[in-house]
Amino acid sequence: MPATPEASQPSTQGPDTPTTIGRSQSVILQTAPPPPDTPRAEAPSRSASPAANDQFSLEKSTDGQASLADGGEQVSAADYDPSLDRKQDEDKRFGRQEVAMDVDLVEEVVEEEEEEEIDDLFALGTPEKKKTRIVRKVTKPTVDVVAADAAADPEGYYTVRLGETLDGGRYHVFSIVGKGMFSNVVRARDMQATGAEVAIKIIRAQETMYKAGIKEVGILHKLRAADPDDKRHFVRLDRTFEHRGHLCLVFESLNMNLREVVKRFGKDVGLSVGAVRAYANQLFVALALMKKLNLMHADLKPDNILVSENKATLKVCDLGSAADASEGGVEVTPYLVSRFYRAPEIILGMPYDCAIDVWSAGCTLYELYTGKILFPGRSNAHMLLLMTELRGRFNTKLIKRARFADTYFDELGAFVHPDAKTVNALKMRDLKSRLMPAGERFSDAEAKSLTQFVDLLEKCLMLDPARRITPKEVLAHPFLRG
């Protein structure tokens, strides 16, 4: 979803804003030094942000980076609007329409009797049967809105007015960021903190969304307790309050999300390998903490990863779908996680855990480097088809554990679906041929970095979640250590 607690347009440049240099107008970023007690190799236990004086350029050099090989369908990461899929996935996930149907309207048939026409009150013979006519009424399905007053629209979103104040006058709203599945987001100034800027996530006035908001608050408190020094790259929740029937979460305010970074600095070509390495390092520090706490983010994507004003530091946000993997009865739904970042075990109806976030992170890193979406599937079936093209066939043991396997595979494990023929007839395209196309010339350093990057992506994108690399293992991978 595009509406994250801190996603917005770039703010006015300040003294920490990166400068542009060189023929390619590359943005050179210098990261803040780590705490003095943080050795660089100690990745899992401390923030693994790049070390002091590390620099990286966001933009690719015009003469040193490879072009992306033809990988079939190419969808621009910068231009994709995830809100286009939000409503469809929401309806399917929360059961407001039949999963197998794309029905938005409900037809109600009503029989109405017409009055009998009488020409002669004294006519003899058997009277004719009364005529009836069929009236078809079309109505939209109901939504469980529990708004306290007219502050919510029919879907339960708070109707924001620029210039209004929230929480008894404390927060002055000056900007509307957007909306996601669970909420809409505004920027405001905290009048009790000398006008400091904050982001306020206003949860929809629906019982399902309210409960999800309360759960998100609990997970954010759990993460903060495990990261009191704010080194593990999660957005900080300041406080909560209620406003006209809506739960409101107040966050620190950051600059833009990674999709906006790609759009501004790497539209259709992606970011430099150095930038991808720096962001990957910080992202997996965050995921390592979640893994340690047995938490799943369950909606990781560029839109839900925010960066600081100087673009050197990232923070993971929007934990509305997050869950504790150790709790029994984790929801098995084929519509968890935004579709392009959805792990195969979710689509197939298998039990899942923190490994789903590693898959999403792999998709995100590919997107950052190439500027293209890795799996632009139009449906879950199309997603599986694209995964099979890139990573090969699903093994039989994995298919046997899948609740929805019969929908996509025959008894021999071959992919069969109305959208496509069996996988044996498809053209295979591996990651190396996409990222290091034949005919492209690389320096030794570039070839080494890209080879390591391909290896990392292959490990993040293992079809079998049991064989997928863990966040802690990623932090020790040569691509991040190089």
Foldseek 3Di string as FASTA:
>chain_A
DQFFLFADAFDDDDPQAFAFDDPVRWTKHFDDADPPVDDQLPQQPFFNFPHGRDIDTWADDPPFADAFDDDDDWDFLLPDDLQVCQVVLLCQVVVVDDVVDPDFKDKDKDKDWDDDDDDDPPDDDDDDDTDIDIDIDIDGGAEQADFLDPQADRNQAGDDDQQDAPDVRQWGFHAWGADGNFFTKTWTFGVVVVGAIKMKTWGGRGPVSVVLVVVVVVVLVVVCVVPVPPRQFAWHWDDWDDDRRIIMTITHHAGHFQSVSCNVRPTQAATDLSLLLSALSSVLSNLSSCVVQQKAQQADARSQWGAHSNRSGIHGGDSSVMDRLPDPPDDQALSTYRDLLAALLSVQRARDTNLSVLSSVLQRSVCRRRSTGQQPAPDSLSSVLSLCLAQNFDDPVSLVRGPNSVQAADPVRWGDHPVDHTSVPDHHDYPCCRRPNPPDDHDPVVVVLVVQSSVLSSLSRDNDSVSHDHSVVSSVGPNNVD
